C-alpha atoms as a PDB file:
ATOM      1  CA  MET A   1      67.450  -4.429 -93.182  1.00  0.00           C
ATOM      2  CA  SER A   2      63.498  -4.476 -93.071  1.00  0.00           C
ATOM      3  CA  ALA A   3      60.952  -5.286 -90.460  1.00  0.00           C
ATOM      4  CA  SER A   4      57.332  -6.202 -91.413  1.00  0.00           C
ATOM      5  CA  LEU A   5      54.521  -4.191 -89.829  1.00  0.00           C
ATOM      6  CA  PRO A   6      50.774  -5.541 -89.314  1.00  0.00           C
ATOM      7  CA  SER A   7      49.010  -5.427 -92.247  1.00  0.00           C
ATOM      8  CA  ASN A   8      45.792  -3.249 -93.115  1.00  0.00           C
ATOM      9  CA  GLY A   9      42.417  -4.067 -92.068  1.00  0.00           C
ATOM     10  CA  GLY A  10      40.139  -5.349 -94.868  1.00  0.00           C
ATOM     11  CA  GLY A  11      38.862  -8.744 -96.279  1.00  0.00           C
ATOM     12  CA  ALA A  12      40.508 -11.157 -98.662  1.00  0.00           C
ATOM     13  CA  GLU A  13      39.274 -10.017-101.360  1.00  0.00           C
ATOM     14  CA  ASN A  14      41.262  -6.668-101.465  1.00  0.00           C
ATOM     15  CA  ARG A  15      44.532  -8.798-100.840  1.00  0.00           C
ATOM     16  CA  ARG A  16      46.109  -6.540 -98.383  1.00  0.00           C
ATOM     17  CA  SER A  17      49.749  -7.499 -97.816  1.00  0.00           C
ATOM     18  CA  THR A  18      52.102  -7.051 -94.737  1.00  0.00           C
ATOM     19  CA  ARG A  19      53.792  -3.679 -94.480  1.00  0.00           C
ATOM     20  CA  VAL A  20      57.672  -3.828 -94.579  1.00  0.00           C
ATOM     21  CA  ILE A  21      60.112  -1.285 -94.070  1.00  0.00           C
ATOM     22  CA  HIS A  22      62.619  -1.173 -96.655  1.00  0.00           C
ATOM     23  CA  ALA A  23      63.979   1.308 -98.416  1.00  0.00           C
ATOM     24  CA  VAL A  24      64.244   1.058-102.539  1.00  0.00           C
ATOM     25  CA  PRO A  25      65.795   3.955-104.793  1.00  0.00           C
ATOM     26  CA  VAL A  26      62.541   4.811-106.878  1.00  0.00           C
ATOM     27  CA  THR A  27      61.924   7.709-109.322  1.00  0.00           C
ATOM     28  CA  ILE A  28      58.448   9.756-109.605  1.00  0.00           C
ATOM     29  CA  ARG A  29      57.189  11.050-112.372  1.00  0.00           C
ATOM     30  CA  ALA A  30      53.882  12.940-111.749  1.00  0.00           C
ATOM     31  CA  GLN A  31      52.035  16.543-111.460  1.00  0.00           C
ATOM     32  CA  ASP A  32      51.816  18.837-108.285  1.00  0.00           C
ATOM     33  CA  ALA A  33      48.879  20.428-107.099  1.00  0.00           C
ATOM     34  CA  LEU A  34      49.435  23.230-109.320  1.00  0.00           C
ATOM     35  CA  GLY A  35      49.581  21.237-112.185  1.00  0.00           C
ATOM     36  CA  GLN A  36      53.135  21.060-113.009  1.00  0.00           C
ATOM     37  CA  SER A  37      54.838  17.805-114.020  1.00  0.00           C
ATOM     38  CA  PHE A  38      57.996  16.868-112.344  1.00  0.00           C
ATOM     39  CA  GLU A  39      60.458  14.201-111.857  1.00  0.00           C
ATOM     40  CA  GLU A  40      61.864  13.324-108.548  1.00  0.00           C
ATOM     41  CA  PHE A  41      64.453  10.455-107.575  1.00  0.00           C
ATOM     42  CA  THR A  42      63.734   9.557-103.451  1.00  0.00           C
ATOM     43  CA  SER A  43      63.313   6.205-101.769  1.00  0.00           C
ATOM     44  CA  THR A  44      60.287   4.056-100.455  1.00  0.00           C
ATOM     45  CA  VAL A  45      59.749   4.078 -96.356  1.00  0.00           C
ATOM     46  CA  THR A  46      57.428   1.042 -96.352  1.00  0.00           C
ATOM     47  CA  VAL A  47      56.454  -1.045 -99.144  1.00  0.00           C
ATOM     48  CA  ASN A  48      53.990  -3.928 -99.443  1.00  0.00           C
ATOM     49  CA  CYS A  49      52.606  -6.110-102.774  1.00  0.00           C
ATOM     50  CA  ASN A  50      49.528  -3.194-102.896  1.00  0.00           C
ATOM     51  CA  GLY A  51      52.240  -0.170-102.778  1.00  0.00           C
ATOM     52  CA  CYS A  52      54.401   1.748-100.678  1.00  0.00           C
ATOM     53  CA  LYS A  53      55.008   5.000 -98.551  1.00  0.00           C
ATOM     54  CA  TYR A  54      57.710   7.205-100.116  1.00  0.00           C
ATOM     55  CA  GLU A  55      59.333  10.912 -98.900  1.00  0.00           C
ATOM     56  CA  SER A  56      58.737  13.923-101.344  1.00  0.00           C
ATOM     57  CA  LYS A  57      59.508  17.521-101.935  1.00  0.00           C
ATOM     58  CA  HIS A  58      56.504  17.807-103.983  1.00  0.00           C
ATOM     59  CA  TYR A  59      53.066  17.662-102.973  1.00  0.00           C
ATOM     60  CA  VAL A  60      50.689  15.348-104.978  1.00  0.00           C
ATOM     61  CA  PRO A  61      47.096  15.685-104.278  1.00  0.00           C
ATOM     62  CA  LYS A  62      45.054  12.821-103.143  1.00  0.00           C
ATOM     63  CA  GLY A  63      43.528  11.144-105.844  1.00  0.00           C
ATOM     64  CA  SER A  64      45.792  11.557-108.164  1.00  0.00           C
ATOM     65  CA  TRP A  65      47.985   9.337-110.793  1.00  0.00           C
ATOM     66  CA  LEU A  66      51.425   9.172-111.179  1.00  0.00           C
ATOM     67  CA  THR A  67      54.409   6.336-112.369  1.00  0.00           C
ATOM     68  CA  LEU A  68      56.649   5.054-110.199  1.00  0.00           C
ATOM     69  CA  GLU A  69      59.914   3.684-111.472  1.00  0.00           C
ATOM     70  CA  ILE A  70      61.831   0.966-109.769  1.00  0.00           C
ATOM     71  CA  GLY A  71      65.816   0.264-111.291  1.00  0.00           C
ATOM     72  CA  ALA A  72      66.674  -3.280-112.252  1.00  0.00           C
ATOM     73  CA  ARG A  73      66.780  -6.323-110.366  1.00  0.00           C
ATOM     74  CA  LYS A  74      68.875  -8.044-112.468  1.00  0.00           C
ATOM     75  CA  ARG A  75      72.009  -6.828-114.594  1.00  0.00           C
ATOM     76  CA  GLY A  76      71.337  -6.265-117.973  1.00  0.00           C
ATOM     77  CA  SER A  77      67.568  -5.719-117.409  1.00  0.00           C
ATOM     78  CA  GLY A  78      65.944  -2.069-117.908  1.00  0.00           C
ATOM     79  CA  SER A  79      64.148  -0.172-115.134  1.00  0.00           C
ATOM     80  CA  ARG A  80      60.472  -1.031-114.401  1.00  0.00           C
ATOM     81  CA  LEU A  81      57.345   1.132-114.482  1.00  0.00           C
ATOM     82  CA  PHE A  82      54.382   0.830-112.151  1.00  0.00           C
ATOM     83  CA  PRO A  83      51.588   3.112-112.543  1.00  0.00           C
ATOM     84  CA  ALA A  84      50.096   4.092-109.122  1.00  0.00           C
ATOM     85  CA  ARG A  85      47.723   5.984-107.173  1.00  0.00           C
ATOM     86  CA  VAL A  86      47.869   8.499-104.293  1.00  0.00           C
ATOM     87  CA  VAL A  87      46.110   7.155-101.420  1.00  0.00           C
ATOM     88  CA  TRP A  88      46.902   8.967 -98.417  1.00  0.00           C
ATOM     89  CA  VAL A  89      49.510  12.471 -98.036  1.00  0.00           C
ATOM     90  CA  GLN A  90      51.044  13.541 -94.438  1.00  0.00           C
ATOM     91  CA  ARG A  91      51.992  17.258 -94.745  1.00  0.00           C
ATOM     92  CA  PRO A  92      55.154  18.133 -92.716  1.00  0.00           C
ATOM     93  CA  ARG A  93      55.061  19.698 -89.769  1.00  0.00           C
ATOM     94  CA  THR A  94      58.226  21.967 -90.328  1.00  0.00           C
ATOM     95  CA  TYR A  95      59.963  23.461 -93.487  1.00  0.00           C
ATOM     96  CA  ARG A  96      62.560  21.189 -92.916  1.00  0.00           C
ATOM     97  CA  GLU A  97      60.389  18.319 -93.237  1.00  0.00           C
ATOM     98  CA  VAL A  98      59.077  16.517 -96.455  1.00  0.00           C
ATOM     99  CA  PHE A  99      55.794  14.854 -97.639  1.00  0.00           C
ATOM    100  CA  HIS A 100      54.987  11.224 -96.868  1.00  0.00           C
ATOM    101  CA  ILE A 101      53.144  10.135 -99.703  1.00  0.00           C
ATOM    102  CA  ALA A 102      51.299   6.633 -99.874  1.00  0.00           C
ATOM    103  CA  VAL A 103      50.155   5.164-103.570  1.00  0.00           C
ATOM    104  CA  GLU A 104      48.553   1.977-104.304  1.00  0.00           C
ATOM    105  CA  PHE A 105      49.569  -0.136-107.517  1.00  0.00           C
ATOM    106  CA  GLU A 106      47.003  -0.166-110.344  1.00  0.00           C
ATOM    107  CA  VAL A 107      47.954  -4.160-110.473  1.00  0.00           C
ATOM    108  CA  PRO A 108      49.269  -5.180-107.221  1.00  0.00           C
ATOM    109  CA  GLY A 109      52.224  -7.864-106.514  1.00  0.00           C
ATOM    110  CA  ASN A 110      55.598  -7.998-104.978  1.00  0.00           C
ATOM    111  CA  VAL A 111      57.731  -6.114-106.896  1.00  0.00           C
ATOM    112  CA  TRP A 112      60.613  -5.370-104.057  1.00  0.00           C
ATOM    113  CA  ASP A 113      62.895  -7.942-104.674  1.00  0.00           C
ATOM    114  CA  ILE A 114      62.917  -8.488-100.890  1.00  0.00           C
ATOM    115  CA  LYS A 115      64.681 -12.617-100.186  1.00  0.00           C
ATOM    116  CA  SER A 116      62.420 -13.280 -97.430  1.00  0.00           C
ATOM    117  CA  PRO A 117      59.164 -12.040 -98.252  1.00  0.00           C
ATOM    118  CA  PRO A 118      55.858 -12.488 -95.687  1.00  0.00           C
ATOM    119  CA  LYS A 119      53.507 -15.326 -96.103  1.00  0.00           C
ATOM    120  CA  ASP A 120      50.984 -13.178 -97.578  1.00  0.00           C
ATOM    121  CA  TRP A 121      52.761 -11.524-100.370  1.00  0.00           C
ATOM    122  CA  PHE A 122      52.098 -12.687-103.801  1.00  0.00           C
ATOM    123  CA  PRO A 123      53.941 -12.414-107.132  1.00  0.00           C
ATOM    124  CA  HIS A 124      53.353  -9.911-109.518  1.00  0.00           C
ATOM    125  CA  PRO A 125      51.507 -11.111-112.654  1.00  0.00           C
ATOM    126  CA  ASP A 126      54.491  -9.826-114.597  1.00  0.00           C
ATOM    127  CA  ASP A 127      56.814 -12.238-112.982  1.00  0.00           C
ATOM    128  CA  GLU A 128      54.522 -15.210-112.228  1.00  0.00           C
ATOM    129  CA  GLU A 129      55.889 -18.295-114.565  1.00  0.00           C
ATOM    130  CA  LEU A 130      53.178 -20.110-117.184  1.00  0.00           C
ATOM    131  CA  THR A 131      53.848 -23.618-115.550  1.00  0.00           C
ATOM    132  CA  ILE A 132      51.060 -25.866-113.728  1.00  0.00           C
ATOM    133  CA  PRO A 133      52.792 -28.177-110.884  1.00  0.00           C
ATOM    134  CA  VAL A 134      51.640 -31.485-111.334  1.00  0.00           C
ATOM    135  CA  TYR A 135      51.771 -34.543-109.066  1.00  0.00           C
ATOM    136  CA  PRO A 136      52.303 -37.965-110.410  1.00  0.00           C
ATOM    137  CA  GLU A 137      49.568 -41.000-109.287  1.00  0.00           C
ATOM    138  CA  GLU A 138      51.711 -43.263-107.596  1.00  0.00           C
ATOM    139  CA  GLY A 139      55.302 -43.159-105.798  1.00  0.00           C
ATOM    140  CA  ASP A 140      56.223 -39.721-104.212  1.00  0.00           C
ATOM    141  CA  ALA A 141      55.049 -36.560-104.116  1.00  0.00           C
ATOM    142  CA  VAL A 142      57.363 -34.801-106.239  1.00  0.00           C
ATOM    143  CA  PRO A 143      56.044 -31.493-107.827  1.00  0.00           C
ATOM    144  CA  VAL A 144      56.509 -31.897-111.663  1.00  0.00           C
ATOM    145  CA  LEU A 145      56.311 -28.718-113.958  1.00  0.00           C
ATOM    146  CA  VAL A 146      54.391 -29.135-117.199  1.00  0.00           C
ATOM    147  CA  ALA A 147      54.424 -26.468-119.788  1.00  0.00           C
ATOM    148  CA  SER A 148      50.991 -25.151-121.313  1.00  0.00           C
ATOM    149  CA  ALA A 149      48.809 -27.252-123.452  1.00  0.00           C
ATOM    150  CA  ALA A 150      49.640 -24.633-126.927  1.00  0.00           C
ATOM    151  CA  LEU A 151      53.733 -25.370-125.636  1.00  0.00           C
ATOM    152  CA  ALA A 152      53.370 -28.711-125.572  1.00  0.00           C
ATOM    153  CA  GLN A 153      51.526 -28.782-129.004  1.00  0.00           C
ATOM    154  CA  LYS A 154      54.346 -26.444-130.134  1.00  0.00           C
ATOM    155  CA  LEU A 155      57.358 -28.715-129.126  1.00  0.00           C
ATOM    156  CA  GLU A 156      55.538 -31.962-130.528  1.00  0.00           C
ATOM    157  CA  THR A 157      55.081 -30.309-134.240  1.00  0.00           C
ATOM    158  CA  GLN A 158      58.741 -29.356-133.897  1.00  0.00           C
ATOM    159  CA  ASN A 159      59.572 -32.711-132.726  1.00  0.00           C
ATOM    160  CA  ASP A 160      57.688 -33.595-135.546  1.00  0.00           C
ATOM    161  CA  MET A 161      59.166 -31.920-138.099  1.00  0.00           C
ATOM    162  CA  THR A 162      62.658 -32.628-136.549  1.00  0.00           C
ATOM    163  CA  GLN A 163      62.729 -36.357-137.305  1.00  0.00           C
ATOM    164  CA  THR A 164      60.840 -35.541-140.751  1.00  0.00           C
ATOM    165  CA  ALA A 165      63.995 -33.543-141.614  1.00  0.00           C
ATOM    166  CA  ARG A 166      66.115 -36.350-140.044  1.00  0.00           C
ATOM    167  CA  ALA A 167      64.389 -39.717-142.500  1.00  0.00           C
ATOM    168  CA  VAL A 168      65.106 -37.221-145.651  1.00  0.00           C
ATOM    169  CA  LEU A 169      68.593 -36.632-144.722  1.00  0.00           C
ATOM    170  CA  ILE A 170      69.315 -40.360-143.950  1.00  0.00           C
ATOM    171  CA  GLU A 171      67.414 -40.790-147.176  1.00  0.00           C
ATOM    172  CA  SER A 172      69.385 -38.901-149.278  1.00  0.00           C
ATOM    173  CA  ALA A 173      72.895 -39.409-150.194  1.00  0.00           C
ATOM    174  CA  PRO A 174      75.337 -37.911-147.487  1.00  0.00           C
ATOM    175  CA  PRO A 175      76.651 -34.371-148.522  1.00  0.00           C
ATOM    176  CA  THR A 176      80.589 -33.461-149.092  1.00  0.00           C
ATOM    177  CA  ALA A 177      82.483 -31.387-147.094  1.00  0.00           C
ATOM    178  CA  SER A 178      82.421 -28.521-149.180  1.00  0.00           C
ATOM    179  CA  ASP A 179      78.509 -29.007-148.926  1.00  0.00           C
ATOM    180  CA  ALA A 180      78.350 -28.891-145.380  1.00  0.00           C
ATOM    181  CA  MET A 181      80.304 -25.521-145.361  1.00  0.00           C
ATOM    182  CA  THR A 182      78.476 -24.144-148.311  1.00  0.00           C
ATOM    183  CA  LEU A 183      74.764 -24.771-146.191  1.00  0.00           C
ATOM    184  CA  ASN A 184      76.559 -23.590-142.949  1.00  0.00           C
ATOM    185  CA  GLN A 185      77.547 -20.444-144.927  1.00  0.00           C
ATOM    186  CA  THR A 186      74.014 -20.063-146.534  1.00  0.00           C
ATOM    187  CA  ALA A 187      72.421 -20.213-142.600  1.00  0.00           C
ATOM    188  CA  SER A 188      75.106 -17.739-141.465  1.00  0.00           C
ATOM    189  CA  TRP A 189      74.324 -15.448-144.015  1.00  0.00           C
ATOM    190  CA  ARG A 190      70.778 -15.791-143.654  1.00  0.00           C
ATOM    191  CA  THR A 191      70.990 -15.209-139.885  1.00  0.00           C
ATOM    192  CA  ASN A 192      73.098 -12.578-140.410  1.00  0.00           C
ATOM    193  CA  GLU A 193      70.956 -10.797-143.324  1.00  0.00           C
ATOM    194  CA  PRO A 194      69.685  -7.866-141.137  1.00  0.00           C
ATOM    195  CA  GLU A 195      72.964  -7.251-139.921  1.00  0.00           C
ATOM    196  CA  LEU A 196      74.147  -7.224-143.886  1.00  0.00           C
ATOM    197  CA  LYS A 197      71.675  -4.832-144.642  1.00  0.00           C
ATOM    198  CA  VAL A 198      72.676  -2.471-142.187  1.00  0.00           C
ATOM    199  CA  ALA A 199      76.299  -2.618-142.483  1.00  0.00           C
ATOM    200  CA  ARG A 200      75.395  -2.030-146.618  1.00  0.00           C
ATOM    201  CA  GLN A 201      73.311   0.898-145.843  1.00  0.00           C
ATOM    202  CA  ILE A 202      75.996   2.319-143.669  1.00  0.00           C
ATOM    203  CA  VAL A 203      79.072   1.865-146.043  1.00  0.00           C
ATOM    204  CA  ARG A 204      76.479   3.490-148.423  1.00  0.00           C
ATOM    205  CA  SER A 205      75.905   6.481-146.519  1.00  0.00           C
ATOM    206  CA  ASN A 206      79.831   6.521-145.446  1.00  0.00           C
ATOM    207  CA  VAL A 207      80.530   6.239-149.549  1.00  0.00           C
ATOM    208  CA  GLU A 208      77.865   8.978-150.438  1.00  0.00           C
ATOM    209  CA  ALA A 209      79.290  11.371-147.963  1.00  0.00           C
ATOM    210  CA  ALA A 210      82.608  10.865-148.924  1.00  0.00           C
ATOM    211  CA  MET A 211      82.055  11.765-152.715  1.00  0.00           C
ATOM    212  CA  ILE A 212      79.818  14.474-151.617  1.00  0.00           C
ATOM    213  CA  GLU A 213      82.909  16.167-149.988  1.00  0.00           C
ATOM    214  CA  GLU A 214      85.403  15.323-152.824  1.00  0.00           C
ATOM    215  CA  ILE A 215      82.893  16.758-155.344  1.00  0.00           C
ATOM    216  CA  ALA A 216      82.758  19.712-153.379  1.00  0.00           C
ATOM    217  CA  LEU A 217      86.680  19.800-152.594  1.00  0.00           C
ATOM    218  CA  LEU A 218      86.747  19.609-156.666  1.00  0.00           C
ATOM    219  CA  ARG A 219      84.141  22.674-157.269  1.00  0.00           C
ATOM    220  CA  GLN A 220      85.951  24.932-155.151  1.00  0.00           C
ATOM    221  CA  GLY A 221      89.744  23.837-157.055  1.00  0.00           C
ATOM    222  CA  LEU A 222      87.867  24.154-160.465  1.00  0.00           C
ATOM    223  CA  GLU A 223      86.460  27.797-159.334  1.00  0.00           C
ATOM    224  CA  SER A 224      89.594  29.248-157.923  1.00  0.00           C
ATOM    225  CA  GLN A 225      91.605  28.007-160.850  1.00  0.00           C
ATOM    226  CA  LEU A 226      88.711  29.697-163.219  1.00  0.00           C
ATOM    227  CA  GLN A 227      89.131  32.927-161.605  1.00  0.00           C
ATOM    228  CA  GLU A 228      92.634  32.604-161.915  1.00  0.00           C
ATOM    229  CA  ALA A 229      92.584  31.896-165.508  1.00  0.00           C
ATOM    230  CA  VAL A 230      89.402  34.806-166.197  1.00  0.00           C
ATOM    231  CA  GLN A 231      91.863  37.378-164.422  1.00  0.00           C
ATOM    232  CA  GLU A 232      95.041  36.636-166.586  1.00  0.00           C
ATOM    233  CA  THR A 233      93.047  36.759-169.352  1.00  0.00           C
ATOM    234  CA  VAL A 234      91.411  40.012-168.818  1.00  0.00           C
ATOM    235  CA  LYS A 235      94.746  41.401-167.726  1.00  0.00           C
ATOM    236  CA  SER A 236      96.547  40.650-170.551  1.00  0.00           C
ATOM    237  CA  LEU A 237      93.690  41.423-172.836  1.00  0.00           C
ATOM    238  CA  SER A 238      93.413  44.904-171.048  1.00  0.00           C
ATOM    239  CA  GLU A 239      97.473  45.360-171.711  1.00  0.00           C
ATOM    240  CA  GLN A 240      97.148  44.639-175.642  1.00  0.00           C
ATOM    241  CA  ILE A 241      94.172  47.354-175.720  1.00  0.00           C
ATOM    242  CA  VAL A 242      96.156  50.005-173.686  1.00  0.00           C
ATOM    243  CA  GLN A 243      98.910  48.992-176.280  1.00  0.00           C
ATOM    244  CA  ARG A 244      96.420  49.575-179.520  1.00  0.00           C
ATOM    245  CA  ILE A 245      95.390  52.541-178.109  1.00  0.00           C
ATOM    246  CA  LEU A 246      98.593  54.057-177.225  1.00  0.00           C
ATOM    247  CA  ASN A 247      99.824  53.099-180.991  1.00  0.00           C
ATOM    248  CA  ALA A 248      96.739  54.547-182.303  1.00  0.00           C
ATOM    249  CA  VAL A 249      97.285  58.012-180.708  1.00  0.00           C
ATOM    250  CA  VAL A 250     100.613  58.154-181.204  1.00  0.00           C
ATOM    251  CA  GLU A 251     100.595  57.366-185.033  1.00  0.00           C
ATOM    252  CA  GLN A 252      97.390  60.249-184.824  1.00  0.00           C
ATOM    253  CA  ALA A 253      99.444  62.968-183.299  1.00  0.00           C
ATOM    254  CA  THR A 254     102.456  62.272-185.623  1.00  0.00           C
ATOM    255  CA  GLU A 255      99.955  62.240-188.732  1.00  0.00           C
ATOM    256  CA  GLN A 256      98.768  65.612-187.434  1.00  0.00           C
ATOM    257  CA  THR A 257     102.176  66.983-186.903  1.00  0.00           C
ATOM    258  CA  ALA A 258     103.273  65.989-189.784  1.00  0.00           C
ATOM    259  CA  GLY A 259     100.151  67.877-191.428  1.00  0.00           C
ATOM    260  CA  SER A 260     100.641  70.888-189.945  1.00  0.00           C
ATOM    261  CA  VAL A 261     104.298  71.098-190.624  1.00  0.00           C
ATOM    262  CA  ALA A 262     103.664  70.491-194.172  1.00  0.00           C
ATOM    263  CA  GLU A 263     100.757  73.153-194.494  1.00  0.00           C
ATOM    264  CA  ALA A 264     103.140  75.963-192.530  1.00  0.00           C
ATOM    265  CA  LEU A 265     106.043  74.876-194.932  1.00  0.00           C
ATOM    266  CA  GLN A 266     103.587  75.506-198.069  1.00  0.00           C
ATOM    267  CA  SER A 267     102.524  78.801-196.343  1.00  0.00           C
ATOM    268  CA  CYS A 268     105.762  80.057-195.864  1.00  0.00           C
ATOM    269  CA  GLY A 269     107.167  79.148-199.274  1.00  0.00           C
ATOM    270  CA  GLY A 270     109.281  76.494-197.728  1.00  0.00           C
ATOM    271  CA  ASN A 271     111.631  79.124-196.218  1.00  0.00           C
ATOM    272  CA  THR A 272     112.377  77.270-192.717  1.00  0.00           C
ATOM    273  CA  GLU A 273     113.583  80.867-191.294  1.00  0.00           C
ATOM    274  CA  GLU A 274     110.615  82.015-191.472  1.00  0.00           C
ATOM    275  CA  LEU A 275     108.869  79.066-190.192  1.00  0.00           C
ATOM    276  CA  GLY A 276     110.845  79.067-187.093  1.00  0.00           C
ATOM    277  CA  ALA A 277     110.797  82.926-186.242  1.00  0.00           C
ATOM    278  CA  LYS A 278     106.624  82.228-186.180  1.00  0.00           C
ATOM    279  CA  ILE A 279     107.158  79.690-183.923  1.00  0.00           C
ATOM    280  CA  ARG A 280     109.306  81.824-181.308  1.00  0.00           C
ATOM    281  CA  LEU A 281     107.146  84.623-182.090  1.00  0.00           C
ATOM    282  CA  ALA A 282     104.357  81.927-180.832  1.00  0.00           C
ATOM    283  CA  ALA A 283     106.291  80.980-177.942  1.00  0.00           C
ATOM    284  CA  GLN A 284     106.974  84.692-176.641  1.00  0.00           C
ATOM    285  CA  GLU A 285     103.069  85.340-177.027  1.00  0.00           C
ATOM    286  CA  ALA A 286     102.248  82.474-174.963  1.00  0.00           C
ATOM    287  CA  LEU A 287     104.673  83.161-172.346  1.00  0.00           C
ATOM    288  CA  SER A 288     103.940  87.003-172.068  1.00  0.00           C
ATOM    289  CA  ALA A 289      99.693  85.680-172.065  1.00  0.00           C
ATOM    290  CA  GLN A 290     100.991  83.966-169.069  1.00  0.00           C
ATOM    291  CA  ALA A 291     102.949  86.838-167.094  1.00  0.00           C
ATOM    292  CA  PRO A 292     100.639  88.508-164.015  1.00  0.00           C
ATOM    293  CA  ARG A 293      99.494  91.385-164.369  1.00  0.00           C
ATOM    294  CA  LYS A 294      99.688  94.719-162.119  1.00  0.00           C
ATOM    295  CA  SER A 295      97.190  94.923-159.851  1.00  0.00           C
ATOM    296  CA  PRO A 296      94.452  98.254-159.969  1.00  0.00           C
ATOM    297  CA  ALA A 297      95.184  98.801-156.174  1.00  0.00           C
ATOM    298  CA  ARG A 298      98.854  99.675-156.862  1.00  0.00           C
ATOM    299  CA  LYS A 299      97.901 102.238-159.818  1.00  0.00           C
ATOM    300  CA  ARG A 300      95.504 104.227-157.713  1.00  0.00           C
ATOM    301  CA  ALA A 301      97.915 104.271-155.003  1.00  0.00           C
ATOM    302  CA  ARG A 302     100.426 106.059-156.984  1.00  0.00           C
ATOM    303  CA  LYS A 303      97.928 108.325-158.248  1.00  0.00           C
ATOM    304  CA  ALA A 304      97.044 109.448-155.108  1.00  0.00           C
ATOM    305  CA  PRO A 305     100.010 111.547-154.175  1.00  0.00           C
ATOM    306  CA  LYS A 306     100.342 112.791-157.831  1.00  0.00           C
ATOM    307  CA  GLN A 307      96.772 114.731-156.596  1.00  0.00           C
ATOM    308  CA  GLU A 308      97.809 115.901-153.256  1.00  0.00           C
ATOM    309  CA  THR A 309     100.934 117.862-155.092  1.00  0.00           C
END
């Protein structure tokens, strides 16, 4: 429900309109007294063609500018933004109350979508239709909406072009069904050419992304296979090298042993018994060298009683 209030004082040049108590959801974007930007969702208290008064939790200094956003009046249309200047601020009396801020539109007009506005209200310039009411000279006084001169000239030009095209089509041979289908397809393709470009770009980007993923997967697979092949090759080569080294060591040890035996036989004059005796003697000497010797402390302990006696 909305109720009319007496309009503010002032001359007709100010075009002050009647205030109406009407709650409309609005979004305020402004800066407070500390220079901090904020965005607040609130509602109006009174409205008119020149501005409105709304409730706010933020203090906006007088004379500062803000942006008032009003929701869409029709489905499918976006919200509308209106610059406004703060002309009056009422401070709250208690901490539970809020500020009452009155603003004045930069461009006045009826933007509140009230079905039965006051008589002194006027439309917003953005909502005015570019038509001129013209009454006929004779007959009833019925208003007729006539388009502007530019629009009329444009319509005449289009009509002339249409008539010329029709004449050319009549003079030429009638097209066949396939020609008509071809013309329709060509027209539809030309109409949907931007959409086709967008679709091609989307397909191209998707294909490039898929190719990049496939290349990455193939690269990973090749790298893993290459690592496995290198490891197997290194392992087989190391085994071969170790086997060759062992064979060389065994051959060298065999040759050295054979040479030592041959030298021993030559020194012993071919007598294997003497050679065996020398080997046993060398073994006994090695064992005796490894046997533990008696400590000198025990020898001293044994000598000590002899001196006392």
